[in-house]
Amino acid sequence: MTLNNTERTNMETVGVVAGSFDPITRGHEWLISEAARLVDRLHVVIGVNPAKKYLFSDDERKRLVQACVADLDMSGTPTTVHFLSNDLLIQFAVKAGASHLIRGIRDTSDFSYETQMALVNRKIAPQIKTVYMVPPPELSEVSSSTVRGLVGFSGWQDIVKGYVHPSVLQAFEEQQAQRKAPC
């Protein structure tokens, strides 16, 4: 079936932004808000990688992502947060009627990994396009693992608050207080 230009412009674009968000960072927030400018509807998907050990529980990650998304300028784009545990991301995207997977690329290693994933996803669902977005320089060094690695050292709050939403900073502070509390 071939679409004419009128049919093409009347199709809803549905985007999917995904990550493990352990924790969600300002870089993730940038990607989500930029993605919202590109599509008519957006799904933010929290994934589970069995090979990873998470600092925050599934419920905490979802709560923190929802708090961050609620504070973002989503350009009026309806946005839903999902937790994905049993499906592949591309399977979720097909079920959600997605037209685009929107991925952030910070460096060449991200590009290499994302290119391989895009090729596999294209075989599974060729109708879904992968879009890469490059963050501004001040966010390119921000990763969840970098943020986690800073927590706990002297003065960590002053550094980490520049990389995460206040609710994430508070969640880290609560974790640190629990670790220091006497048993």
Protein backbone atom coordinates (compact mmCIF):
# COMPACT_ATOMS: atom_id res chain seq x y z
CA MET A 1 0.00 0.00 0.00
CA THR A 2 1.34 3.44 -0.93
CA LEU A 3 0.27 6.53 0.96
CA ASN A 4 -0.33 9.78 -0.82
CA ASN A 5 0.94 13.05 0.67
CA THR A 6 -2.41 13.90 2.27
CA GLU A 7 -2.58 10.55 4.04
CA ARG A 8 1.05 10.87 5.11
CA THR A 9 0.55 14.27 6.74
CA ASN A 10 -2.60 13.11 8.54
CA MET A 11 -0.86 10.18 10.26
CA GLU A 12 -0.16 10.59 13.94
CA THR A 13 3.49 10.34 14.90
CA VAL A 14 4.04 8.34 18.06
CA GLY A 15 7.44 8.36 19.70
CA VAL A 16 9.08 6.11 22.24
CA VAL A 17 11.96 7.20 24.49
CA ALA A 18 13.36 4.43 26.64
CA GLY A 19 15.99 3.87 29.27
CA SER A 20 16.64 2.15 32.54
CA PHE A 21 16.59 5.58 34.22
CA ASP A 22 18.61 4.50 37.27
CA PRO A 23 18.31 7.41 37.89
CA ILE A 24 16.75 9.71 35.32
CA THR A 25 19.16 12.59 34.64
CA ARG A 26 18.98 16.07 33.10
CA GLY A 27 20.25 14.44 29.90
CA HIS A 28 17.26 12.10 29.87
CA GLU A 29 14.95 15.02 30.60
CA TRP A 30 16.40 16.93 27.64
CA LEU A 31 15.85 13.95 25.36
CA ILE A 32 12.26 13.47 26.53
CA SER A 33 11.30 17.13 26.11
CA GLU A 34 12.98 17.34 22.69
CA ALA A 35 11.24 14.13 21.61
CA ALA A 36 7.91 15.68 22.62
CA ARG A 37 8.54 18.46 20.07
CA LEU A 38 8.89 15.91 17.28
CA VAL A 39 5.84 13.71 17.79
CA ASP A 40 2.11 13.93 18.38
CA ARG A 41 2.18 11.45 21.27
CA LEU A 42 5.08 10.19 23.39
CA HIS A 43 5.71 7.09 25.47
CA VAL A 44 8.50 7.12 28.03
CA VAL A 45 9.46 3.53 28.73
CA ILE A 46 11.43 2.32 31.74
CA GLY A 47 13.16 -0.89 30.82
CA VAL A 48 14.75 -3.73 32.71
CA ASN A 49 18.09 -5.17 31.71
CA PRO A 50 18.60 -8.53 33.48
CA ALA A 51 22.36 -7.98 33.35
CA LYS A 52 22.13 -4.79 35.43
CA LYS A 53 21.80 -4.39 39.18
CA TYR A 54 19.68 -1.34 39.88
CA LEU A 55 20.21 1.15 42.69
CA PHE A 56 16.54 2.20 42.68
CA SER A 57 13.64 -0.25 42.73
CA ASP A 58 11.27 -0.52 39.77
CA ASP A 59 8.63 1.48 41.65
CA GLU A 60 11.14 4.18 42.63
CA ARG A 61 12.39 4.53 39.08
CA LYS A 62 8.85 4.89 37.77
CA ARG A 63 7.95 7.42 40.47
CA LEU A 64 11.07 9.49 39.75
CA VAL A 65 10.51 9.43 35.98
CA GLN A 66 6.88 10.49 36.47
CA ALA A 67 7.96 13.36 38.77
CA CYS A 68 10.51 14.60 36.25
CA VAL A 69 8.18 14.30 33.25
CA ALA A 70 5.47 16.20 35.14
CA ASP A 71 7.85 19.18 35.43
CA LEU A 72 9.01 19.19 31.80
CA ASP A 73 7.75 21.40 28.99
CA MET A 74 6.20 18.74 26.80
CA SER A 75 4.92 21.23 24.18
CA GLY A 76 1.37 19.98 24.75
CA THR A 77 2.31 16.46 23.67
CA PRO A 78 0.38 13.76 25.54
CA THR A 79 3.01 11.70 27.36
CA THR A 80 2.65 8.40 29.17
CA VAL A 81 5.21 6.66 31.38
CA HIS A 82 5.37 2.86 31.20
CA PHE A 83 7.36 0.17 32.95
CA LEU A 84 8.48 -2.64 30.66
CA SER A 85 9.70 -5.93 32.06
CA ASN A 86 8.82 -8.81 29.73
CA ASP A 87 8.72 -7.39 26.20
CA LEU A 88 11.50 -6.13 24.02
CA LEU A 89 11.32 -2.38 23.49
CA ILE A 90 10.55 -2.86 19.80
CA GLN A 91 7.66 -5.17 20.71
CA PHE A 92 6.27 -2.49 23.01
CA ALA A 93 6.70 0.10 20.25
CA VAL A 94 4.72 -2.03 17.78
CA LYS A 95 1.90 -2.54 20.32
CA ALA A 96 1.84 1.21 21.07
CA GLY A 97 1.57 2.07 17.38
CA ALA A 98 4.89 3.91 17.48
CA SER A 99 6.30 5.48 14.36
CA HIS A 100 9.65 6.42 15.94
CA LEU A 101 12.13 5.22 18.54
CA ILE A 102 14.01 8.28 19.77
CA ARG A 103 17.47 7.61 21.13
CA GLY A 104 20.12 9.82 22.67
CA ILE A 105 23.69 9.67 21.41
CA ARG A 106 26.43 11.20 23.60
CA ASP A 107 29.52 9.71 22.01
CA THR A 108 30.85 7.18 19.53
CA SER A 109 30.30 4.22 21.84
CA ASP A 110 26.61 5.18 22.16
CA PHE A 111 26.43 5.51 18.38
CA SER A 112 27.97 2.08 17.82
CA TYR A 113 25.60 0.39 20.29
CA GLU A 114 22.52 2.25 19.03
CA THR A 115 23.33 1.47 15.40
CA GLN A 116 23.41 -2.25 16.14
CA MET A 117 20.10 -2.01 18.02
CA ALA A 118 18.51 -0.02 15.18
CA LEU A 119 19.51 -2.69 12.66
CA VAL A 120 17.94 -5.45 14.77
CA ASN A 121 14.82 -3.36 15.41
CA ARG A 122 14.49 -2.64 11.68
CA LYS A 123 14.34 -6.38 10.97
CA ILE A 124 11.63 -6.87 13.59
CA ALA A 125 9.55 -3.77 12.77
CA PRO A 126 10.70 -1.98 9.60
CA GLN A 127 7.84 0.51 9.87
CA ILE A 128 9.35 2.06 13.01
CA LYS A 129 12.15 4.54 12.40
CA THR A 130 14.99 5.20 14.82
CA VAL A 131 15.85 8.86 15.37
CA TYR A 132 19.11 9.88 17.05
CA MET A 133 19.42 13.08 19.02
CA VAL A 134 22.67 14.59 20.30
CA PRO A 135 22.45 16.52 23.58
CA PRO A 136 24.05 19.92 24.09
CA PRO A 137 27.69 19.76 25.30
CA GLU A 138 26.84 20.55 28.92
CA LEU A 139 24.70 17.39 29.10
CA SER A 140 26.91 15.03 27.12
CA GLU A 141 28.94 14.01 30.19
CA VAL A 142 25.81 13.19 32.19
CA SER A 143 25.00 9.52 32.59
CA SER A 144 23.17 7.60 35.28
CA SER A 145 26.30 5.65 36.17
CA THR A 146 28.34 8.87 36.51
CA VAL A 147 25.72 10.34 38.82
CA ARG A 148 25.56 7.14 40.93
CA GLY A 149 29.35 7.18 41.19
CA LEU A 150 29.36 10.68 42.66
CA VAL A 151 26.88 9.98 45.46
CA GLY A 152 28.27 9.57 48.96
CA PHE A 153 31.51 11.49 48.61
CA SER A 154 32.08 14.72 50.51
CA GLY A 155 29.99 17.52 48.96
CA TRP A 156 28.30 15.18 46.47
CA GLN A 157 24.94 16.98 46.72
CA ASP A 158 26.38 20.20 45.27
CA ILE A 159 27.67 18.32 42.22
CA VAL A 160 24.76 15.92 41.70
CA LYS A 161 22.05 18.60 41.95
CA GLY A 162 23.24 19.97 38.61
CA TYR A 163 22.67 16.61 36.93
CA VAL A 164 19.30 15.52 38.32
CA HIS A 165 15.80 16.71 39.19
CA PRO A 166 15.27 17.71 42.87
CA SER A 167 13.15 14.57 43.46
CA VAL A 168 16.08 12.39 42.37
CA LEU A 169 18.46 14.29 44.64
CA GLN A 170 16.05 13.76 47.52
CA ALA A 171 15.81 10.03 46.76
CA PHE A 172 19.61 9.79 46.88
CA GLU A 173 19.69 11.71 50.17
CA GLU A 174 17.10 9.33 51.66
CA GLN A 175 19.16 6.33 50.56
CA GLN A 176 22.30 7.81 52.09
CA ALA A 177 20.48 8.54 55.37
CA GLN A 178 19.24 4.92 55.52
CA ARG A 179 22.76 3.59 54.96
CA LYS A 180 24.13 5.75 57.78
CA ALA A 181 21.31 4.99 60.22
CA PRO A 182 22.28 2.61 63.03
CA CYS A 183 20.76 -0.87 62.73
